[in-house]
Amino acid sequence: MYEKLGTAAKYIQGIKQTTPTVGIVLGSGLGAFVDQIENTTVIPYSNIPFFRNTTVEGHEGRLILGQVGAVEVAVLQGRLHVYEGLPTEEIVFPVRTLATLGIETLILTNAAGGINFDYTPGDLVLIEDHLNMMGVNPLIGPNLNELGPRFPDMTLTYNPKLRSLMQEVAGKMDFNLKSGIYCALQGPTYETPAEIKMLRTLGADMVGMSTVPEAIAANHLGMKVCGVSCITNMAAGMKNVTLKHEDIKIEARKVMSRFSQLLTDSIKKMENLNE
């Protein structure tokens, strides 16, 4: 694995010599954020050694290298999922590659179903913690000591400083950036109404089929992580509607302007985070 990561990173550096400090993973329907990136270099996943190509609509499967303000970024435009039948080590391979390139800060984004009754479609919610109900963990198996410890602490999975920074940016944008607990399930079926009641009882505010494996792998690597969910629908049983992936993409596009500004302004401030 360690050698594969080195090979992938070397290929990327051969396309563009870059030292990115912030990585972004874009979820379903949120890929248009890449329009905010300057001096871009686009590399299809299919060209990068050991990357698997995306199969889900709304996940373009491209690595975008460039700048947001003065900050060098690497953006994963689309992700892999457990429900695609892939082992978790392949799902988190792109994030581990970003760390190999030198990235220290990772922003995870996703489209999620709202469980909290205070949420409405179109809300952006800062992930404060998660529930892993996927039945898998990307660290299962022999530990890669070069990447991190055998038993990484997950107390502060989503970095408090990054969360405060995003809240500050949202305040200047004059909108309410809510905060909540993200629950990850395998999918690909949407949850039943009974399952949503169970998740609400367990403390979940929103539900999806991604993000958690990447958050675990990034913390194992010692990266600072923050996450933003776009509430694209209310979860099963909360509204008298049938859930469809096409509708989720439509709702994500409606909030793209606010989402893009939140990420852009936050990334520009991350340049000084360690100073």
C-alpha atoms as a PDB file:
ATOM      1  CA  MET A   1       0.000   0.000   0.000  1.00  0.00           C
ATOM      2  CA  TYR A   2       2.735   2.450   0.962  1.00  0.00           C
ATOM      3  CA  GLU A   3       4.519   1.839  -2.339  1.00  0.00           C
ATOM      4  CA  LYS A   4       1.265   2.238  -4.287  1.00  0.00           C
ATOM      5  CA  LEU A   5       0.655   5.612  -2.626  1.00  0.00           C
ATOM      6  CA  GLY A   6       4.140   6.733  -3.568  1.00  0.00           C
ATOM      7  CA  THR A   7       3.598   5.664  -7.170  1.00  0.00           C
ATOM      8  CA  ALA A   8       0.286   7.530  -7.415  1.00  0.00           C
ATOM      9  CA  ALA A   9       1.741  10.686  -5.864  1.00  0.00           C
ATOM     10  CA  LYS A  10       4.775  10.551  -8.146  1.00  0.00           C
ATOM     11  CA  TYR A  11       2.518  10.312 -11.214  1.00  0.00           C
ATOM     12  CA  ILE A  12       0.498  13.340 -10.077  1.00  0.00           C
ATOM     13  CA  GLN A  13       3.643  15.373  -9.391  1.00  0.00           C
ATOM     14  CA  GLY A  14       4.860  14.408 -12.846  1.00  0.00           C
ATOM     15  CA  ILE A  15       1.781  16.071 -14.347  1.00  0.00           C
ATOM     16  CA  LYS A  16       2.073  19.193 -12.170  1.00  0.00           C
ATOM     17  CA  GLN A  17       4.721  20.071  -9.612  1.00  0.00           C
ATOM     18  CA  THR A  18       2.604  21.259  -6.714  1.00  0.00           C
ATOM     19  CA  THR A  19       2.616  21.369  -2.926  1.00  0.00           C
ATOM     20  CA  PRO A  20      -1.094  21.495  -2.004  1.00  0.00           C
ATOM     21  CA  THR A  21      -1.986  22.111   1.626  1.00  0.00           C
ATOM     22  CA  VAL A  22      -5.781  21.753   1.526  1.00  0.00           C
ATOM     23  CA  GLY A  23      -7.698  18.820   0.079  1.00  0.00           C
ATOM     24  CA  ILE A  24     -11.413  18.754  -0.701  1.00  0.00           C
ATOM     25  CA  VAL A  25     -13.689  15.788  -1.407  1.00  0.00           C
ATOM     26  CA  LEU A  26     -16.842  16.785  -3.290  1.00  0.00           C
ATOM     27  CA  GLY A  27     -20.015  14.775  -2.755  1.00  0.00           C
ATOM     28  CA  SER A  28     -23.071  14.093  -4.910  1.00  0.00           C
ATOM     29  CA  GLY A  29     -24.092  17.079  -6.995  1.00  0.00           C
ATOM     30  CA  LEU A  30     -21.444  19.351  -5.440  1.00  0.00           C
ATOM     31  CA  GLY A  31     -18.794  19.046  -8.136  1.00  0.00           C
ATOM     32  CA  ALA A  32     -19.436  22.527  -9.548  1.00  0.00           C
ATOM     33  CA  PHE A  33     -17.294  23.986  -6.757  1.00  0.00           C
ATOM     34  CA  VAL A  34     -14.300  23.361  -9.019  1.00  0.00           C
ATOM     35  CA  ASP A  35     -15.349  26.444 -11.010  1.00  0.00           C
ATOM     36  CA  GLN A  36     -13.911  28.495  -8.120  1.00  0.00           C
ATOM     37  CA  ILE A  37     -10.422  27.057  -8.571  1.00  0.00           C
ATOM     38  CA  GLU A  38      -7.789  28.986 -10.526  1.00  0.00           C
ATOM     39  CA  ASN A  39      -4.799  27.723 -12.539  1.00  0.00           C
ATOM     40  CA  THR A  40      -6.336  24.280 -12.735  1.00  0.00           C
ATOM     41  CA  THR A  41      -4.825  21.015 -13.864  1.00  0.00           C
ATOM     42  CA  VAL A  42      -7.334  18.190 -14.356  1.00  0.00           C
ATOM     43  CA  ILE A  43      -6.336  14.533 -14.042  1.00  0.00           C
ATOM     44  CA  PRO A  44      -8.962  11.784 -14.567  1.00  0.00           C
ATOM     45  CA  TYR A  45      -8.921   9.123 -11.872  1.00  0.00           C
ATOM     46  CA  SER A  46      -8.582   6.529 -14.621  1.00  0.00           C
ATOM     47  CA  ASN A  47      -5.111   7.933 -15.430  1.00  0.00           C
ATOM     48  CA  ILE A  48      -3.742   7.815 -11.883  1.00  0.00           C
ATOM     49  CA  PRO A  49      -2.095   4.538 -10.847  1.00  0.00           C
ATOM     50  CA  PHE A  50      -4.207   2.463  -8.442  1.00  0.00           C
ATOM     51  CA  PHE A  51      -7.170   4.900  -8.478  1.00  0.00           C
ATOM     52  CA  ARG A  52     -10.542   3.335  -9.231  1.00  0.00           C
ATOM     53  CA  ASN A  53     -12.895   5.249 -11.481  1.00  0.00           C
ATOM     54  CA  THR A  54     -16.225   6.477 -10.115  1.00  0.00           C
ATOM     55  CA  THR A  55     -19.438   4.768 -11.230  1.00  0.00           C
ATOM     56  CA  VAL A  56     -22.135   6.942  -9.636  1.00  0.00           C
ATOM     57  CA  GLU A  57     -23.838   9.788 -11.493  1.00  0.00           C
ATOM     58  CA  GLY A  58     -22.854  13.144 -10.018  1.00  0.00           C
ATOM     59  CA  HIS A  59     -19.306  11.949  -9.199  1.00  0.00           C
ATOM     60  CA  GLU A  60     -17.113  13.007 -12.116  1.00  0.00           C
ATOM     61  CA  GLY A  61     -13.991  11.105 -11.080  1.00  0.00           C
ATOM     62  CA  ARG A  62     -11.346  13.789 -11.547  1.00  0.00           C
ATOM     63  CA  LEU A  63      -8.489  15.198  -9.482  1.00  0.00           C
ATOM     64  CA  ILE A  64      -8.322  18.991  -9.793  1.00  0.00           C
ATOM     65  CA  LEU A  65      -5.088  20.747  -8.825  1.00  0.00           C
ATOM     66  CA  GLY A  66      -5.034  24.524  -8.530  1.00  0.00           C
ATOM     67  CA  GLN A  67      -5.427  27.497  -6.235  1.00  0.00           C
ATOM     68  CA  VAL A  68      -8.130  29.113  -4.136  1.00  0.00           C
ATOM     69  CA  GLY A  69      -6.721  32.549  -3.473  1.00  0.00           C
ATOM     70  CA  ALA A  70      -3.139  31.948  -2.415  1.00  0.00           C
ATOM     71  CA  VAL A  71      -3.859  28.433  -1.139  1.00  0.00           C
ATOM     72  CA  GLU A  72      -2.747  25.423  -3.176  1.00  0.00           C
ATOM     73  CA  VAL A  73      -5.540  22.843  -3.255  1.00  0.00           C
ATOM     74  CA  ALA A  74      -6.191  19.333  -4.520  1.00  0.00           C
ATOM     75  CA  VAL A  75      -9.843  18.490  -5.107  1.00  0.00           C
ATOM     76  CA  LEU A  76     -11.328  15.029  -5.495  1.00  0.00           C
ATOM     77  CA  GLN A  77     -14.306  15.704  -7.760  1.00  0.00           C
ATOM     78  CA  GLY A  78     -16.306  12.620  -6.887  1.00  0.00           C
ATOM     79  CA  ARG A  79     -15.722   9.712  -4.519  1.00  0.00           C
ATOM     80  CA  LEU A  80     -16.061   5.957  -4.215  1.00  0.00           C
ATOM     81  CA  HIS A  81     -18.599   4.218  -1.978  1.00  0.00           C
ATOM     82  CA  VAL A  82     -18.915   0.972  -0.049  1.00  0.00           C
ATOM     83  CA  TYR A  83     -22.117   0.127  -1.937  1.00  0.00           C
ATOM     84  CA  GLU A  84     -20.131  -0.034  -5.179  1.00  0.00           C
ATOM     85  CA  GLY A  85     -18.674  -3.285  -3.861  1.00  0.00           C
ATOM     86  CA  LEU A  86     -15.184  -1.934  -3.240  1.00  0.00           C
ATOM     87  CA  PRO A  87     -12.948  -2.705  -0.255  1.00  0.00           C
ATOM     88  CA  THR A  88     -12.557   0.297   2.036  1.00  0.00           C
ATOM     89  CA  GLU A  89      -8.818   0.541   1.375  1.00  0.00           C
ATOM     90  CA  GLU A  90      -9.656   1.418  -2.250  1.00  0.00           C
ATOM     91  CA  ILE A  91     -12.333   3.900  -1.156  1.00  0.00           C
ATOM     92  CA  VAL A  92      -9.831   5.844   0.977  1.00  0.00           C
ATOM     93  CA  PHE A  93      -6.859   5.441  -1.381  1.00  0.00           C
ATOM     94  CA  PRO A  94      -7.439   8.897  -2.978  1.00  0.00           C
ATOM     95  CA  VAL A  95      -7.472  10.594   0.450  1.00  0.00           C
ATOM     96  CA  ARG A  96      -4.300   8.770   1.447  1.00  0.00           C
ATOM     97  CA  THR A  97      -2.743   9.914  -1.813  1.00  0.00           C
ATOM     98  CA  LEU A  98      -3.588  13.531  -0.955  1.00  0.00           C
ATOM     99  CA  ALA A  99      -1.766  13.073   2.348  1.00  0.00           C
ATOM    100  CA  THR A 100       1.208  11.646   0.466  1.00  0.00           C
ATOM    101  CA  LEU A 101       1.236  14.818  -1.655  1.00  0.00           C
ATOM    102  CA  GLY A 102       1.583  16.796   1.577  1.00  0.00           C
ATOM    103  CA  ILE A 103      -1.961  17.872   2.362  1.00  0.00           C
ATOM    104  CA  GLU A 104      -2.562  18.510   6.055  1.00  0.00           C
ATOM    105  CA  THR A 105      -6.160  19.796   6.009  1.00  0.00           C
ATOM    106  CA  LEU A 106      -9.084  17.908   4.482  1.00  0.00           C
ATOM    107  CA  ILE A 107     -12.607  19.188   3.803  1.00  0.00           C
ATOM    108  CA  LEU A 108     -15.181  16.431   3.329  1.00  0.00           C
ATOM    109  CA  THR A 109     -18.532  17.259   1.733  1.00  0.00           C
ATOM    110  CA  ASN A 110     -21.632  15.228   1.005  1.00  0.00           C
ATOM    111  CA  ALA A 111     -25.311  15.300   0.182  1.00  0.00           C
ATOM    112  CA  ALA A 112     -27.318  14.005   3.124  1.00  0.00           C
ATOM    113  CA  GLY A 113     -30.850  13.282   4.212  1.00  0.00           C
ATOM    114  CA  GLY A 114     -32.131  15.369   7.086  1.00  0.00           C
ATOM    115  CA  ILE A 115     -33.235  13.531  10.238  1.00  0.00           C
ATOM    116  CA  ASN A 116     -33.363  16.530  12.562  1.00  0.00           C
ATOM    117  CA  PHE A 117     -36.818  18.142  12.428  1.00  0.00           C
ATOM    118  CA  ASP A 118     -35.159  21.589  12.490  1.00  0.00           C
ATOM    119  CA  TYR A 119     -33.515  20.967   9.116  1.00  0.00           C
ATOM    120  CA  THR A 120     -34.961  21.768   5.704  1.00  0.00           C
ATOM    121  CA  PRO A 121     -33.696  20.890   2.213  1.00  0.00           C
ATOM    122  CA  GLY A 122     -31.043  23.401   1.209  1.00  0.00           C
ATOM    123  CA  ASP A 123     -29.494  23.691   4.672  1.00  0.00           C
ATOM    124  CA  LEU A 124     -25.720  23.424   4.994  1.00  0.00           C
ATOM    125  CA  VAL A 125     -24.706  21.576   8.151  1.00  0.00           C
ATOM    126  CA  LEU A 126     -21.277  21.404   9.733  1.00  0.00           C
ATOM    127  CA  ILE A 127     -20.428  17.860  10.822  1.00  0.00           C
ATOM    128  CA  GLU A 128     -19.546  17.882  14.519  1.00  0.00           C
ATOM    129  CA  ASP A 129     -19.232  14.095  14.898  1.00  0.00           C
ATOM    130  CA  HIS A 130     -20.365  10.883  13.215  1.00  0.00           C
ATOM    131  CA  LEU A 131     -21.920   7.487  13.773  1.00  0.00           C
ATOM    132  CA  ASN A 132     -20.286   4.714  11.762  1.00  0.00           C
ATOM    133  CA  MET A 133     -23.025   2.200  10.980  1.00  0.00           C
ATOM    134  CA  MET A 134     -21.520   0.982   7.719  1.00  0.00           C
ATOM    135  CA  GLY A 135     -20.207  -2.232   9.228  1.00  0.00           C
ATOM    136  CA  VAL A 136     -16.746  -1.528   7.823  1.00  0.00           C
ATOM    137  CA  ASN A 137     -13.639   0.419   8.796  1.00  0.00           C
ATOM    138  CA  PRO A 138     -10.746   1.299   6.448  1.00  0.00           C
ATOM    139  CA  LEU A 139      -8.190   0.423   9.150  1.00  0.00           C
ATOM    140  CA  ILE A 140      -9.231  -3.232   9.430  1.00  0.00           C
ATOM    141  CA  GLY A 141      -6.289  -5.512   8.681  1.00  0.00           C
ATOM    142  CA  PRO A 142      -2.562  -5.136   9.352  1.00  0.00           C
ATOM    143  CA  ASN A 143      -1.735  -1.588  10.449  1.00  0.00           C
ATOM    144  CA  LEU A 144       0.381   0.524   8.132  1.00  0.00           C
ATOM    145  CA  ASN A 145       2.762   2.047  10.678  1.00  0.00           C
ATOM    146  CA  GLU A 146       4.038   4.496   8.045  1.00  0.00           C
ATOM    147  CA  LEU A 147       0.556   6.012   7.891  1.00  0.00           C
ATOM    148  CA  GLY A 148      -0.493   6.102  11.544  1.00  0.00           C
ATOM    149  CA  PRO A 149      -0.992   4.271  14.855  1.00  0.00           C
ATOM    150  CA  ARG A 150      -2.782   0.963  15.313  1.00  0.00           C
ATOM    151  CA  PHE A 151      -5.465   2.541  17.535  1.00  0.00           C
ATOM    152  CA  PRO A 152      -6.037   6.160  16.471  1.00  0.00           C
ATOM    153  CA  ASP A 153      -8.037   8.425  18.782  1.00  0.00           C
ATOM    154  CA  MET A 154     -11.301   9.696  17.266  1.00  0.00           C
ATOM    155  CA  THR A 155     -12.352  12.101  20.025  1.00  0.00           C
ATOM    156  CA  LEU A 156     -11.807  15.158  17.827  1.00  0.00           C
ATOM    157  CA  THR A 157     -12.449  13.620  14.424  1.00  0.00           C
ATOM    158  CA  TYR A 158     -13.744  16.939  13.063  1.00  0.00           C
ATOM    159  CA  ASN A 159     -11.233  19.618  14.018  1.00  0.00           C
ATOM    160  CA  PRO A 160     -12.684  22.262  16.394  1.00  0.00           C
ATOM    161  CA  LYS A 161     -10.543  25.078  14.946  1.00  0.00           C
ATOM    162  CA  LEU A 162     -11.728  24.330  11.419  1.00  0.00           C
ATOM    163  CA  ARG A 163     -15.331  24.180  12.573  1.00  0.00           C
ATOM    164  CA  SER A 164     -14.981  27.543  14.323  1.00  0.00           C
ATOM    165  CA  LEU A 165     -13.379  29.012  11.213  1.00  0.00           C
ATOM    166  CA  MET A 166     -16.289  27.894   9.039  1.00  0.00           C
ATOM    167  CA  GLN A 167     -18.825  29.204  11.542  1.00  0.00           C
ATOM    168  CA  GLU A 168     -17.047  32.563  11.449  1.00  0.00           C
ATOM    169  CA  VAL A 169     -17.153  32.627   7.644  1.00  0.00           C
ATOM    170  CA  ALA A 170     -20.845  31.697   7.629  1.00  0.00           C
ATOM    171  CA  GLY A 171     -21.544  34.506  10.094  1.00  0.00           C
ATOM    172  CA  LYS A 172     -19.913  37.014   7.766  1.00  0.00           C
ATOM    173  CA  MET A 173     -22.030  35.605   4.943  1.00  0.00           C
ATOM    174  CA  ASP A 174     -25.070  36.207   7.182  1.00  0.00           C
ATOM    175  CA  PHE A 175     -26.498  32.706   7.124  1.00  0.00           C
ATOM    176  CA  ASN A 176     -27.050  30.045   9.761  1.00  0.00           C
ATOM    177  CA  LEU A 177     -24.553  27.218   9.321  1.00  0.00           C
ATOM    178  CA  LYS A 178     -26.154  24.498  11.397  1.00  0.00           C
ATOM    179  CA  SER A 179     -24.219  21.749  13.172  1.00  0.00           C
ATOM    180  CA  GLY A 180     -25.047  18.091  13.622  1.00  0.00           C
ATOM    181  CA  ILE A 181     -24.151  14.411  13.840  1.00  0.00           C
ATOM    182  CA  TYR A 182     -23.722  12.562  10.531  1.00  0.00           C
ATOM    183  CA  CYS A 183     -24.623   8.879  10.370  1.00  0.00           C
ATOM    184  CA  ALA A 184     -23.136   6.718   7.611  1.00  0.00           C
ATOM    185  CA  LEU A 185     -24.803   3.532   6.339  1.00  0.00           C
ATOM    186  CA  GLN A 186     -23.705   1.261   3.498  1.00  0.00           C
ATOM    187  CA  GLY A 187     -26.607   1.812   1.107  1.00  0.00           C
ATOM    188  CA  PRO A 188     -27.398   1.743  -1.757  1.00  0.00           C
ATOM    189  CA  THR A 189     -31.014   1.609  -0.569  1.00  0.00           C
ATOM    190  CA  TYR A 190     -32.341   4.643   1.197  1.00  0.00           C
ATOM    191  CA  GLU A 191     -33.306   4.012   4.800  1.00  0.00           C
ATOM    192  CA  THR A 192     -36.748   2.824   5.890  1.00  0.00           C
ATOM    193  CA  PRO A 193     -38.894   5.109   8.086  1.00  0.00           C
ATOM    194  CA  ALA A 194     -38.294   2.705  10.988  1.00  0.00           C
ATOM    195  CA  GLU A 195     -34.538   2.967  10.506  1.00  0.00           C
ATOM    196  CA  ILE A 196     -34.757   6.761  10.485  1.00  0.00           C
ATOM    197  CA  LYS A 197     -36.636   6.692  13.815  1.00  0.00           C
ATOM    198  CA  MET A 198     -33.882   4.452  15.200  1.00  0.00           C
ATOM    199  CA  LEU A 199     -31.120   6.769  13.965  1.00  0.00           C
ATOM    200  CA  ARG A 200     -32.848   9.812  15.462  1.00  0.00           C
ATOM    201  CA  THR A 201     -33.043   7.986  18.797  1.00  0.00           C
ATOM    202  CA  LEU A 202     -29.316   7.256  18.554  1.00  0.00           C
ATOM    203  CA  GLY A 203     -28.581  10.954  18.104  1.00  0.00           C
ATOM    204  CA  ALA A 204     -28.151  11.302  14.345  1.00  0.00           C
ATOM    205  CA  ASP A 205     -29.159  14.569  12.676  1.00  0.00           C
ATOM    206  CA  MET A 206     -28.473  13.513   9.088  1.00  0.00           C
ATOM    207  CA  VAL A 207     -27.731  10.349   7.163  1.00  0.00           C
ATOM    208  CA  GLY A 208     -25.725   9.378   4.099  1.00  0.00           C
ATOM    209  CA  MET A 209     -23.585   6.696   2.470  1.00  0.00           C
ATOM    210  CA  SER A 210     -20.082   8.201   2.510  1.00  0.00           C
ATOM    211  CA  THR A 211     -17.603  10.470   4.325  1.00  0.00           C
ATOM    212  CA  VAL A 212     -16.932   8.342   7.419  1.00  0.00           C
ATOM    213  CA  PRO A 213     -14.311   6.012   5.864  1.00  0.00           C
ATOM    214  CA  GLU A 214     -12.417   9.063   4.581  1.00  0.00           C
ATOM    215  CA  ALA A 215     -12.673  10.815   7.957  1.00  0.00           C
ATOM    216  CA  ILE A 216     -11.277   7.742   9.710  1.00  0.00           C
ATOM    217  CA  ALA A 217      -8.400   7.332   7.251  1.00  0.00           C
ATOM    218  CA  ALA A 218      -7.552  11.041   7.409  1.00  0.00           C
ATOM    219  CA  ASN A 219      -7.461  11.035  11.217  1.00  0.00           C
ATOM    220  CA  HIS A 220      -5.254   7.946  11.119  1.00  0.00           C
ATOM    221  CA  LEU A 221      -2.877   9.988   8.956  1.00  0.00           C
ATOM    222  CA  GLY A 222      -2.937  12.915  11.386  1.00  0.00           C
ATOM    223  CA  MET A 223      -4.790  15.254   9.017  1.00  0.00           C
ATOM    224  CA  LYS A 224      -7.072  18.030  10.274  1.00  0.00           C
ATOM    225  CA  VAL A 225     -10.592  17.250   9.070  1.00  0.00           C
ATOM    226  CA  CYS A 226     -13.814  19.201   8.736  1.00  0.00           C
ATOM    227  CA  GLY A 227     -17.044  18.205   7.037  1.00  0.00           C
ATOM    228  CA  VAL A 228     -20.057  19.916   5.506  1.00  0.00           C
ATOM    229  CA  SER A 229     -23.317  18.200   4.584  1.00  0.00           C
ATOM    230  CA  CYS A 230     -25.810  19.642   2.143  1.00  0.00           C
ATOM    231  CA  ILE A 231     -29.307  18.593   3.230  1.00  0.00           C
ATOM    232  CA  THR A 232     -30.880  17.685  -0.098  1.00  0.00           C
ATOM    233  CA  ASN A 233     -33.972  15.905   1.225  1.00  0.00           C
ATOM    234  CA  MET A 234     -35.718  14.945   4.423  1.00  0.00           C
ATOM    235  CA  ALA A 235     -35.158  11.306   5.302  1.00  0.00           C
ATOM    236  CA  ALA A 236     -37.644   8.503   4.699  1.00  0.00           C
ATOM    237  CA  GLY A 237     -40.981   8.833   6.432  1.00  0.00           C
ATOM    238  CA  MET A 238     -40.590  12.533   7.290  1.00  0.00           C
ATOM    239  CA  LYS A 239     -42.321  13.730   4.119  1.00  0.00           C
ATOM    240  CA  ASN A 240     -44.815  11.965   1.889  1.00  0.00           C
ATOM    241  CA  VAL A 241     -42.388  11.716  -1.042  1.00  0.00           C
ATOM    242  CA  THR A 242     -40.380   9.058  -2.856  1.00  0.00           C
ATOM    243  CA  LEU A 243     -36.624   9.558  -2.570  1.00  0.00           C
ATOM    244  CA  LYS A 244     -34.743   9.743  -5.888  1.00  0.00           C
ATOM    245  CA  HIS A 245     -31.073  10.434  -6.624  1.00  0.00           C
ATOM    246  CA  GLU A 246     -32.043  12.866  -9.412  1.00  0.00           C
ATOM    247  CA  ASP A 247     -33.875  15.088  -6.927  1.00  0.00           C
ATOM    248  CA  ILE A 248     -30.844  15.137  -4.639  1.00  0.00           C
ATOM    249  CA  LYS A 249     -28.682  16.550  -7.433  1.00  0.00           C
ATOM    250  CA  ILE A 250     -31.296  19.211  -8.176  1.00  0.00           C
ATOM    251  CA  GLU A 251     -31.404  20.350  -4.543  1.00  0.00           C
ATOM    252  CA  ALA A 252     -27.596  20.437  -4.372  1.00  0.00           C
ATOM    253  CA  ARG A 253     -27.465  22.750  -7.401  1.00  0.00           C
ATOM    254  CA  LYS A 254     -29.882  25.166  -5.696  1.00  0.00           C
ATOM    255  CA  VAL A 255     -27.411  25.862  -2.874  1.00  0.00           C
ATOM    256  CA  MET A 256     -24.239  25.682  -4.977  1.00  0.00           C
ATOM    257  CA  SER A 257     -23.575  29.438  -4.803  1.00  0.00           C
ATOM    258  CA  ARG A 258     -23.694  29.543  -0.996  1.00  0.00           C
ATOM    259  CA  PHE A 259     -21.805  26.249  -0.685  1.00  0.00           C
ATOM    260  CA  SER A 260     -19.054  27.454  -3.016  1.00  0.00           C
ATOM    261  CA  GLN A 261     -18.654  30.765  -1.207  1.00  0.00           C
ATOM    262  CA  LEU A 262     -18.496  29.035   2.182  1.00  0.00           C
ATOM    263  CA  LEU A 263     -15.725  26.714   0.986  1.00  0.00           C
ATOM    264  CA  THR A 264     -13.840  29.406  -0.933  1.00  0.00           C
ATOM    265  CA  ASP A 265     -13.780  31.929   1.907  1.00  0.00           C
ATOM    266  CA  SER A 266     -12.931  29.237   4.467  1.00  0.00           C
ATOM    267  CA  ILE A 267     -10.052  27.843   2.411  1.00  0.00           C
ATOM    268  CA  LYS A 268      -8.536  31.306   2.024  1.00  0.00           C
ATOM    269  CA  LYS A 269      -8.466  31.621   5.835  1.00  0.00           C
ATOM    270  CA  MET A 270      -6.907  28.174   6.262  1.00  0.00           C
ATOM    271  CA  GLU A 271      -3.622  29.535   4.909  1.00  0.00           C
ATOM    272  CA  ASN A 272      -3.022  31.127   8.314  1.00  0.00           C
ATOM    273  CA  LEU A 273      -4.475  28.349  10.454  1.00  0.00           C
ATOM    274  CA  ASN A 274      -1.115  27.084  11.717  1.00  0.00           C
ATOM    275  CA  GLU A 275       0.469  30.476  12.238  1.00  0.00           C
END
